[in-house]
């Protein structure tokens, strides 16, 4: 379990808490984790869009085997995105 320091009283508190149990001061959440989460969301979204576009193009050109695999990459990226979004809940 991660601990953070209260900016007001300096006491350690669990990172999941919204406010300090000693002084009720709101605890600051990590900006780095939010930025990392946004980066992963953008990456998985781009992989999904790219996989969907590539699968469509391959299907139009008659490469149905490739279209199937690229479609699976797109589906896997959506699953990873959903897992990443629910990781902090």
PDB file of N, CA and C in Angstrom:
ATOM      1  N   UNK A   1       0.838  -1.173   0.000  1.00  0.00           N
ATOM      2  CA  UNK A   1       0.000   0.000   0.000  1.00  0.00           C
ATOM      3  C   UNK A   1       0.888   1.243   0.000  1.00  0.00           C
ATOM      4  N   UNK A   2       0.571   2.141  -0.900  1.00  0.00           N
ATOM      5  CA  UNK A   2       1.358   3.356  -1.038  1.00  0.00           C
ATOM      6  C   UNK A   2       0.946   4.384   0.007  1.00  0.00           C
ATOM      7  N   UNK A   3       1.945   5.064   0.519  1.00  0.00           N
ATOM      8  CA  UNK A   3       1.706   6.127   1.489  1.00  0.00           C
ATOM      9  C   UNK A   3       2.111   7.461   0.892  1.00  0.00           C
ATOM     10  N   UNK A   4       1.373   8.507   1.261  1.00  0.00           N
ATOM     11  CA  UNK A   4       1.707   9.874   0.849  1.00  0.00           C
ATOM     12  C   UNK A   4       1.767  10.735   2.098  1.00  0.00           C
ATOM     13  N   UNK A   5       2.483  11.842   1.988  1.00  0.00           N
ATOM     14  CA  UNK A   5       2.578  12.777   3.096  1.00  0.00           C
ATOM     15  C   UNK A   5       1.515  13.862   2.956  1.00  0.00           C
ATOM     16  N   UNK A   6       0.909  14.206   4.064  1.00  0.00           N
ATOM     17  CA  UNK A   6      -0.066  15.292   4.077  1.00  0.00           C
ATOM     18  C   UNK A   6       0.687  16.610   3.890  1.00  0.00           C
ATOM     19  N   UNK A   7       0.243  17.484   2.980  1.00  0.00           N
ATOM     20  CA  UNK A   7       0.939  18.751   2.768  1.00  0.00           C
ATOM     21  C   UNK A   7       0.775  19.721   3.939  1.00  0.00           C
ATOM     22  N   UNK A   8      -0.230  19.510   4.777  1.00  0.00           N
ATOM     23  CA  UNK A   8      -0.491  20.421   5.892  1.00  0.00           C
ATOM     24  C   UNK A   8       0.243  20.007   7.166  1.00  0.00           C
ATOM     25  N   UNK A   9       0.019  18.753   7.623  1.00  0.00           N
ATOM     26  CA  UNK A   9       0.591  18.328   8.908  1.00  0.00           C
ATOM     27  C   UNK A   9       1.791  17.399   8.775  1.00  0.00           C
ATOM     28  N   UNK A  10       2.032  16.855   7.583  1.00  0.00           N
ATOM     29  CA  UNK A  10       3.193  15.998   7.377  1.00  0.00           C
ATOM     30  C   UNK A  10       2.996  14.545   7.779  1.00  0.00           C
ATOM     31  N   UNK A  11       1.807  14.178   8.223  1.00  0.00           N
ATOM     32  CA  UNK A  11       1.520  12.796   8.605  1.00  0.00           C
ATOM     33  C   UNK A  11       1.413  11.914   7.360  1.00  0.00           C
ATOM     34  N   UNK A  12       1.777  10.645   7.515  1.00  0.00           N
ATOM     35  CA  UNK A  12       1.623   9.696   6.421  1.00  0.00           C
ATOM     36  C   UNK A  12       0.180   9.205   6.366  1.00  0.00           C
ATOM     37  N   UNK A  13      -0.327   9.070   5.142  1.00  0.00           N
ATOM     38  CA  UNK A  13      -1.686   8.565   4.947  1.00  0.00           C
ATOM     39  C   UNK A  13      -1.688   7.668   3.717  1.00  0.00           C
ATOM     40  N   UNK A  14      -2.657   6.802   3.638  1.00  0.00           N
ATOM     41  CA  UNK A  14      -2.789   5.930   2.474  1.00  0.00           C
ATOM     42  C   UNK A  14      -3.098   6.763   1.235  1.00  0.00           C
ATOM     43  N   UNK A  15      -2.523   6.378   0.107  1.00  0.00           N
ATOM     44  CA  UNK A  15      -2.695   7.127  -1.144  1.00  0.00           C
ATOM     45  C   UNK A  15      -4.141   7.095  -1.629  1.00  0.00           C
ATOM     46  N   UNK A  16      -4.921   6.087  -1.229  1.00  0.00           N
ATOM     47  CA  UNK A  16      -6.302   5.980  -1.679  1.00  0.00           C
ATOM     48  C   UNK A  16      -7.225   6.977  -0.979  1.00  0.00           C
ATOM     49  N   UNK A  17      -6.797   7.536   0.148  1.00  0.00           N
ATOM     50  CA  UNK A  17      -7.638   8.459   0.900  1.00  0.00           C
ATOM     51  C   UNK A  17      -7.739   9.804   0.205  1.00  0.00           C
ATOM     52  N   UNK A  18      -8.872  10.450   0.366  1.00  0.00           N
ATOM     53  CA  UNK A  18      -9.096  11.759  -0.239  1.00  0.00           C
ATOM     54  C   UNK A  18      -8.566  12.867   0.658  1.00  0.00           C
ATOM     55  N   UNK A  19      -8.696  12.678   1.975  1.00  0.00           N
ATOM     56  CA  UNK A  19      -8.216  13.698   2.911  1.00  0.00           C
ATOM     57  C   UNK A  19      -7.409  13.039   4.020  1.00  0.00           C
ATOM     58  N   UNK A  20      -6.608  13.838   4.674  1.00  0.00           N
ATOM     59  CA  UNK A  20      -5.746  13.369   5.768  1.00  0.00           C
ATOM     60  C   UNK A  20      -6.606  12.960   6.961  1.00  0.00           C
ATOM     61  N   UNK A  21      -6.358  11.798   7.552  1.00  0.00           N
ATOM     62  CA  UNK A  21      -7.147  11.383   8.715  1.00  0.00           C
ATOM     63  C   UNK A  21      -6.846  12.218   9.963  1.00  0.00           C
ATOM     64  N   UNK A  22      -5.699  12.891  10.015  1.00  0.00           N
ATOM     65  CA  UNK A  22      -5.347  13.692  11.189  1.00  0.00           C
ATOM     66  C   UNK A  22      -5.944  15.095  11.149  1.00  0.00           C
ATOM     67  N   UNK A  23      -5.826  15.772   9.986  1.00  0.00           N
ATOM     68  CA  UNK A  23      -6.231  17.183   9.930  1.00  0.00           C
ATOM     69  C   UNK A  23      -7.318  17.475   8.890  1.00  0.00           C
ATOM     70  N   UNK A  24      -7.779  16.467   8.181  1.00  0.00           N
ATOM     71  CA  UNK A  24      -8.817  16.604   7.138  1.00  0.00           C
ATOM     72  C   UNK A  24      -8.402  17.477   5.962  1.00  0.00           C
ATOM     73  N   UNK A  25      -7.114  17.703   5.790  1.00  0.00           N
ATOM     74  CA  UNK A  25      -6.620  18.454   4.627  1.00  0.00           C
ATOM     75  C   UNK A  25      -6.708  17.545   3.396  1.00  0.00           C
ATOM     76  N   UNK A  26      -7.187  18.069   2.256  1.00  0.00           N
ATOM     77  CA  UNK A  26      -7.223  17.230   1.041  1.00  0.00           C
ATOM     78  C   UNK A  26      -5.819  16.784   0.637  1.00  0.00           C
ATOM     79  N   UNK A  27      -5.704  15.515   0.299  1.00  0.00           N
ATOM     80  CA  UNK A  27      -4.413  14.972  -0.126  1.00  0.00           C
ATOM     81  C   UNK A  27      -4.250  15.179  -1.624  1.00  0.00           C
ATOM     82  N   UNK A  28      -3.058  15.536  -2.018  1.00  0.00           N
ATOM     83  CA  UNK A  28      -2.762  15.776  -3.430  1.00  0.00           C
ATOM     84  C   UNK A  28      -2.511  14.443  -4.105  1.00  0.00           C
ATOM     85  N   UNK A  29      -3.186  14.199  -5.235  1.00  0.00           N
ATOM     86  CA  UNK A  29      -2.941  12.973  -5.991  1.00  0.00           C
ATOM     87  C   UNK A  29      -1.757  13.173  -6.916  1.00  0.00           C
ATOM     88  N   UNK A  30      -1.175  12.103  -7.320  1.00  0.00           N
ATOM     89  CA  UNK A  30       0.012  12.144  -8.161  1.00  0.00           C
ATOM     90  C   UNK A  30      -0.338  12.574  -9.580  1.00  0.00           C
ATOM     91  N   UNK A  31       0.288  13.624 -10.070  1.00  0.00           N
ATOM     92  CA  UNK A  31       0.086  14.078 -11.440  1.00  0.00           C
ATOM     93  C   UNK A  31       0.762  13.137 -12.430  1.00  0.00           C
ATOM     94  N   UNK A  32       1.839  12.484 -12.007  1.00  0.00           N
ATOM     95  CA  UNK A  32       2.574  11.598 -12.902  1.00  0.00           C
ATOM     96  C   UNK A  32       1.723  10.398 -13.314  1.00  0.00           C
ATOM     97  N   UNK A  33       0.988   9.825 -12.358  1.00  0.00           N
ATOM     98  CA  UNK A  33       0.174   8.666 -12.700  1.00  0.00           C
ATOM     99  C   UNK A  33      -0.950   9.046 -13.660  1.00  0.00           C
ATOM    100  N   UNK A  34      -1.522  10.256 -13.506  1.00  0.00           N
ATOM    101  CA  UNK A  34      -2.560  10.707 -14.428  1.00  0.00           C
ATOM    102  C   UNK A  34      -1.983  10.904 -15.822  1.00  0.00           C
ATOM    103  N   UNK A  35      -0.774  11.462 -15.904  1.00  0.00           N
ATOM    104  CA  UNK A  35      -0.146  11.678 -17.204  1.00  0.00           C
ATOM    105  C   UNK A  35       0.185  10.340 -17.866  1.00  0.00           C
ATOM    106  N   UNK A  36       0.664   9.386 -17.096  1.00  0.00           N
ATOM    107  CA  UNK A  36       0.971   8.061 -17.626  1.00  0.00           C
ATOM    108  C   UNK A  36      -0.307   7.379 -18.112  1.00  0.00           C
ATOM    109  N   UNK A  37      -1.384   7.522 -17.354  1.00  0.00           N
ATOM    110  CA  UNK A  37      -2.650   6.920 -17.745  1.00  0.00           C
ATOM    111  C   UNK A  37      -3.150   7.529 -19.053  1.00  0.00           C
ATOM    112  N   UNK A  38      -3.030   8.846 -19.190  1.00  0.00           N
ATOM    113  CA  UNK A  38      -3.452   9.500 -20.427  1.00  0.00           C
ATOM    114  C   UNK A  38      -2.601   9.053 -21.606  1.00  0.00           C
ATOM    115  N   UNK A  39      -1.305   8.860 -21.388  1.00  0.00           N
ATOM    116  CA  UNK A  39      -0.421   8.398 -22.450  1.00  0.00           C
ATOM    117  C   UNK A  39      -0.844   7.011 -22.926  1.00  0.00           C
ATOM    118  N   UNK A  40      -1.161   6.119 -21.989  1.00  0.00           N
ATOM    119  CA  UNK A  40      -1.601   4.782 -22.360  1.00  0.00           C
ATOM    120  C   UNK A  40      -2.930   4.822 -23.092  1.00  0.00           C
ATOM    121  N   UNK A  41      -3.835   5.703 -22.659  1.00  0.00           N
ATOM    122  CA  UNK A  41      -5.127   5.818 -23.340  1.00  0.00           C
ATOM    123  C   UNK A  41      -4.940   6.254 -24.791  1.00  0.00           C
ATOM    124  N   UNK A  42      -4.064   7.225 -25.010  1.00  0.00           N
ATOM    125  CA  UNK A  42      -3.797   7.692 -26.372  1.00  0.00           C
ATOM    126  C   UNK A  42      -3.154   6.587 -27.198  1.00  0.00           C
ATOM    127  N   UNK A  43      -2.191   5.881 -26.622  1.00  0.00           N
ATOM    128  CA  UNK A  43      -1.505   4.810 -27.336  1.00  0.00           C
ATOM    129  C   UNK A  43      -2.473   3.698 -27.747  1.00  0.00           C
ATOM    130  N   UNK A  44      -3.285   3.230 -26.812  1.00  0.00           N
ATOM    131  CA  UNK A  44      -4.226   2.157 -27.130  1.00  0.00           C
ATOM    132  C   UNK A  44      -5.280   2.622 -28.131  1.00  0.00           C
ATOM    133  N   UNK A  45      -5.692   3.873 -28.031  1.00  0.00           N
ATOM    134  CA  UNK A  45      -6.668   4.397 -28.997  1.00  0.00           C
ATOM    135  C   UNK A  45      -6.075   4.437 -30.400  1.00  0.00           C
ATOM    136  N   UNK A  46      -4.826   4.859 -30.509  1.00  0.00           N
ATOM    137  CA  UNK A  46      -4.169   4.895 -31.816  1.00  0.00           C
ATOM    138  C   UNK A  46      -3.968   3.494 -32.384  1.00  0.00           C
ATOM    139  N   UNK A  47      -3.612   2.543 -31.529  1.00  0.00           N
ATOM    140  CA  UNK A  47      -3.453   1.163 -31.993  1.00  0.00           C
ATOM    141  C   UNK A  47      -4.797   0.618 -32.473  1.00  0.00           C
ATOM    142  N   UNK A  48      -5.868   0.934 -31.752  1.00  0.00           N
ATOM    143  CA  UNK A  48      -7.195   0.469 -32.169  1.00  0.00           C
ATOM    144  C   UNK A  48      -7.587   1.064 -33.512  1.00  0.00           C
ATOM    145  N   UNK A  49      -7.435   2.372 -33.659  1.00  0.00           N
ATOM    146  CA  UNK A  49      -7.802   3.031 -34.916  1.00  0.00           C
ATOM    147  C   UNK A  49      -6.921   2.525 -36.061  1.00  0.00           C
ATOM    148  N   UNK A  50      -5.620   2.389 -35.812  1.00  0.00           N
ATOM    149  CA  UNK A  50      -4.714   1.874 -36.835  1.00  0.00           C
ATOM    150  C   UNK A  50      -5.032   0.444 -37.215  1.00  0.00           C
ATOM    151  N   UNK A  51      -5.316  -0.392 -36.221  1.00  0.00           N
ATOM    152  CA  UNK A  51      -5.660  -1.785 -36.485  1.00  0.00           C
ATOM    153  C   UNK A  51      -6.961  -1.904 -37.251  1.00  0.00           C
ATOM    154  N   UNK A  52      -7.937  -1.075 -36.892  1.00  0.00           N
ATOM    155  CA  UNK A  52      -9.214  -1.096 -37.595  1.00  0.00           C
ATOM    156  C   UNK A  52      -9.061  -0.638 -39.042  1.00  0.00           C
ATOM    157  N   UNK A  53      -8.299   0.435 -39.245  1.00  0.00           N
ATOM    158  CA  UNK A  53      -8.064   0.923 -40.604  1.00  0.00           C
ATOM    159  C   UNK A  53      -7.292  -0.073 -41.450  1.00  0.00           C
ATOM    160  N   UNK A  54      -6.247  -0.656 -40.872  1.00  0.00           N
ATOM    161  CA  UNK A  54      -5.447  -1.634 -41.609  1.00  0.00           C
ATOM    162  C   UNK A  54      -6.256  -2.889 -41.913  1.00  0.00           C
ATOM    163  N   UNK A  55      -7.099  -3.314 -40.968  1.00  0.00           N
ATOM    164  CA  UNK A  55      -7.936  -4.489 -41.205  1.00  0.00           C
ATOM    165  C   UNK A  55      -8.925  -4.226 -42.332  1.00  0.00           C
ATOM    166  N   UNK A  56      -9.477  -3.030 -42.360  1.00  0.00           N
ATOM    167  CA  UNK A  56     -10.413  -2.670 -43.428  1.00  0.00           C
ATOM    168  C   UNK A  56      -9.716  -2.666 -44.785  1.00  0.00           C
ATOM    169  N   UNK A  57      -8.531  -2.078 -44.843  1.00  0.00           N
ATOM    170  CA  UNK A  57      -7.792  -2.030 -46.103  1.00  0.00           C
ATOM    171  C   UNK A  57      -7.408  -3.441 -46.571  1.00  0.00           C
ATOM    172  N   UNK A  58      -6.943  -4.277 -45.653  1.00  0.00           N
ATOM    173  CA  UNK A  58      -6.572  -5.645 -46.022  1.00  0.00           C
ATOM    174  C   UNK A  58      -7.784  -6.425 -46.508  1.00  0.00           C
ATOM    175  N   UNK A  59      -8.912  -6.222 -45.862  1.00  0.00           N
ATOM    176  CA  UNK A  59     -10.131  -6.918 -46.276  1.00  0.00           C
ATOM    177  C   UNK A  59     -10.558  -6.466 -47.670  1.00  0.00           C
ATOM    178  N   UNK A  60     -10.425  -5.173 -47.954  1.00  0.00           N
ATOM    179  CA  UNK A  60     -10.796  -4.655 -49.273  1.00  0.00           C
ATOM    180  C   UNK A  60      -9.886  -5.195 -50.373  1.00  0.00           C
ATOM    181  N   UNK A  61      -8.624  -5.468 -50.018  1.00  0.00           N
ATOM    182  CA  UNK A  61      -7.680  -5.975 -51.005  1.00  0.00           C
ATOM    183  C   UNK A  61      -7.688  -7.497 -51.094  1.00  0.00           C
ATOM    184  N   UNK A  62      -8.504  -8.150 -50.288  1.00  0.00           N
ATOM    185  CA  UNK A  62      -8.628  -9.598 -50.364  1.00  0.00           C
ATOM    186  C   UNK A  62      -7.735 -10.364 -49.410  1.00  0.00           C
ATOM    187  N   UNK A  63      -7.015  -9.675 -48.534  1.00  0.00           N
ATOM    188  CA  UNK A  63      -6.154 -10.351 -47.562  1.00  0.00           C
ATOM    189  C   UNK A  63      -6.947 -10.575 -46.274  1.00  0.00           C
ATOM    190  N   UNK A  64      -7.880 -11.505 -46.312  1.00  0.00           N
ATOM    191  CA  UNK A  64      -8.772 -11.694 -45.168  1.00  0.00           C
ATOM    192  C   UNK A  64      -8.049 -12.241 -43.939  1.00  0.00           C
ATOM    193  N   UNK A  65      -7.010 -13.025 -44.138  1.00  0.00           N
ATOM    194  CA  UNK A  65      -6.239 -13.535 -42.996  1.00  0.00           C
ATOM    195  C   UNK A  65      -5.588 -12.405 -42.233  1.00  0.00           C
ATOM    196  N   UNK A  66      -4.975 -11.483 -42.967  1.00  0.00           N
ATOM    197  CA  UNK A  66      -4.348 -10.324 -42.326  1.00  0.00           C
ATOM    198  C   UNK A  66      -5.398  -9.447 -41.662  1.00  0.00           C
ATOM    199  N   UNK A  67      -6.545  -9.288 -42.313  1.00  0.00           N
ATOM    200  CA  UNK A  67      -7.617  -8.465 -41.754  1.00  0.00           C
ATOM    201  C   UNK A  67      -8.079  -9.030 -40.415  1.00  0.00           C
ATOM    202  N   UNK A  68      -8.165 -10.358 -40.336  1.00  0.00           N
ATOM    203  CA  UNK A  68      -8.586 -10.976 -39.083  1.00  0.00           C
ATOM    204  C   UNK A  68      -7.583 -10.693 -37.963  1.00  0.00           C
ATOM    205  N   UNK A  69      -6.290 -10.855 -38.250  1.00  0.00           N
ATOM    206  CA  UNK A  69      -5.270 -10.626 -37.225  1.00  0.00           C
ATOM    207  C   UNK A  69      -5.208  -9.162 -36.810  1.00  0.00           C
ATOM    208  N   UNK A  70      -5.311  -8.257 -37.767  1.00  0.00           N
ATOM    209  CA  UNK A  70      -5.279  -6.837 -37.419  1.00  0.00           C
ATOM    210  C   UNK A  70      -6.526  -6.428 -36.638  1.00  0.00           C
ATOM    211  N   UNK A  71      -7.662  -7.027 -36.956  1.00  0.00           N
ATOM    212  CA  UNK A  71      -8.867  -6.783 -36.170  1.00  0.00           C
ATOM    213  C   UNK A  71      -8.711  -7.269 -34.741  1.00  0.00           C
ATOM    214  N   UNK A  72      -8.035  -8.398 -34.570  1.00  0.00           N
ATOM    215  CA  UNK A  72      -7.788  -8.912 -33.219  1.00  0.00           C
ATOM    216  C   UNK A  72      -6.857  -7.989 -32.433  1.00  0.00           C
ATOM    217  N   UNK A  73      -5.889  -7.381 -33.133  1.00  0.00           N
ATOM    218  CA  UNK A  73      -5.012  -6.405 -32.471  1.00  0.00           C
ATOM    219  C   UNK A  73      -5.842  -5.226 -31.968  1.00  0.00           C
ATOM    220  N   UNK A  74      -6.778  -4.773 -32.798  1.00  0.00           N
ATOM    221  CA  UNK A  74      -7.647  -3.678 -32.393  1.00  0.00           C
ATOM    222  C   UNK A  74      -8.492  -4.040 -31.187  1.00  0.00           C
ATOM    223  N   UNK A  75      -9.053  -5.248 -31.184  1.00  0.00           N
ATOM    224  CA  UNK A  75      -9.870  -5.695 -30.054  1.00  0.00           C
ATOM    225  C   UNK A  75      -9.017  -5.832 -28.798  1.00  0.00           C
ATOM    226  N   UNK A  76      -7.802  -6.350 -28.943  1.00  0.00           N
ATOM    227  CA  UNK A  76      -6.905  -6.481 -27.788  1.00  0.00           C
ATOM    228  C   UNK A  76      -6.536  -5.117 -27.220  1.00  0.00           C
ATOM    229  N   UNK A  77      -6.363  -4.121 -28.092  1.00  0.00           N
ATOM    230  CA  UNK A  77      -6.021  -2.790 -27.595  1.00  0.00           C
ATOM    231  C   UNK A  77      -7.187  -2.178 -26.831  1.00  0.00           C
ATOM    232  N   UNK A  78      -8.419  -2.428 -27.264  1.00  0.00           N
ATOM    233  CA  UNK A  78      -9.581  -1.931 -26.526  1.00  0.00           C
ATOM    234  C   UNK A  78      -9.673  -2.616 -25.167  1.00  0.00           C
ATOM    235  N   UNK A  79      -9.425  -3.922 -25.124  1.00  0.00           N
ATOM    236  CA  UNK A  79      -9.448  -4.638 -23.848  1.00  0.00           C
ATOM    237  C   UNK A  79      -8.376  -4.093 -22.901  1.00  0.00           C
ATOM    238  N   UNK A  80      -7.175  -3.852 -23.434  1.00  0.00           N
ATOM    239  CA  UNK A  80      -6.100  -3.301 -22.601  1.00  0.00           C
ATOM    240  C   UNK A  80      -6.454  -1.898 -22.122  1.00  0.00           C
ATOM    241  N   UNK A  81      -7.084  -1.098 -22.975  1.00  0.00           N
ATOM    242  CA  UNK A  81      -7.492   0.248 -22.600  1.00  0.00           C
ATOM    243  C   UNK A  81      -8.515   0.189 -21.474  1.00  0.00           C
ATOM    244  N   UNK A  82      -9.496  -0.687 -21.583  1.00  0.00           N
ATOM    245  CA  UNK A  82     -10.508  -0.806 -20.529  1.00  0.00           C
ATOM    246  C   UNK A  82      -9.904  -1.292 -19.223  1.00  0.00           C
ATOM    247  N   UNK A  83      -8.985  -2.234 -19.293  1.00  0.00           N
ATOM    248  CA  UNK A  83      -8.309  -2.693 -18.079  1.00  0.00           C
ATOM    249  C   UNK A  83      -7.492  -1.584 -17.447  1.00  0.00           C
ATOM    250  N   UNK A  84      -6.843  -0.774 -18.282  1.00  0.00           N
ATOM    251  CA  UNK A  84      -6.039   0.335 -17.777  1.00  0.00           C
ATOM    252  C   UNK A  84      -6.920   1.393 -17.130  1.00  0.00           C
ATOM    253  N   UNK A  85      -8.081   1.653 -17.705  1.00  0.00           N
ATOM    254  CA  UNK A  85      -8.994   2.646 -17.136  1.00  0.00           C
ATOM    255  C   UNK A  85      -9.541   2.202 -15.788  1.00  0.00           C
ATOM    256  N   UNK A  86      -9.769   0.905 -15.633  1.00  0.00           N
ATOM    257  CA  UNK A  86     -10.334   0.391 -14.383  1.00  0.00           C
ATOM    258  C   UNK A  86      -9.291  -0.001 -13.351  1.00  0.00           C
ATOM    259  N   UNK A  87      -8.020   0.181 -13.662  1.00  0.00           N
ATOM    260  CA  UNK A  87      -6.955  -0.252 -12.748  1.00  0.00           C
ATOM    261  C   UNK A  87      -6.948   0.542 -11.454  1.00  0.00           C
ATOM    262  N   UNK A  88      -7.297   1.811 -11.487  1.00  0.00           N
ATOM    263  CA  UNK A  88      -7.235   2.640 -10.276  1.00  0.00           C
ATOM    264  C   UNK A  88      -8.531   2.670  -9.497  1.00  0.00           C
ATOM    265  N   UNK A  89      -9.563   2.002  -9.944  1.00  0.00           N
ATOM    266  CA  UNK A  89     -10.854   2.054  -9.255  1.00  0.00           C
ATOM    267  C   UNK A  89     -10.926   1.089  -8.126  1.00  0.00           C
TER     268      UNK A  89
END
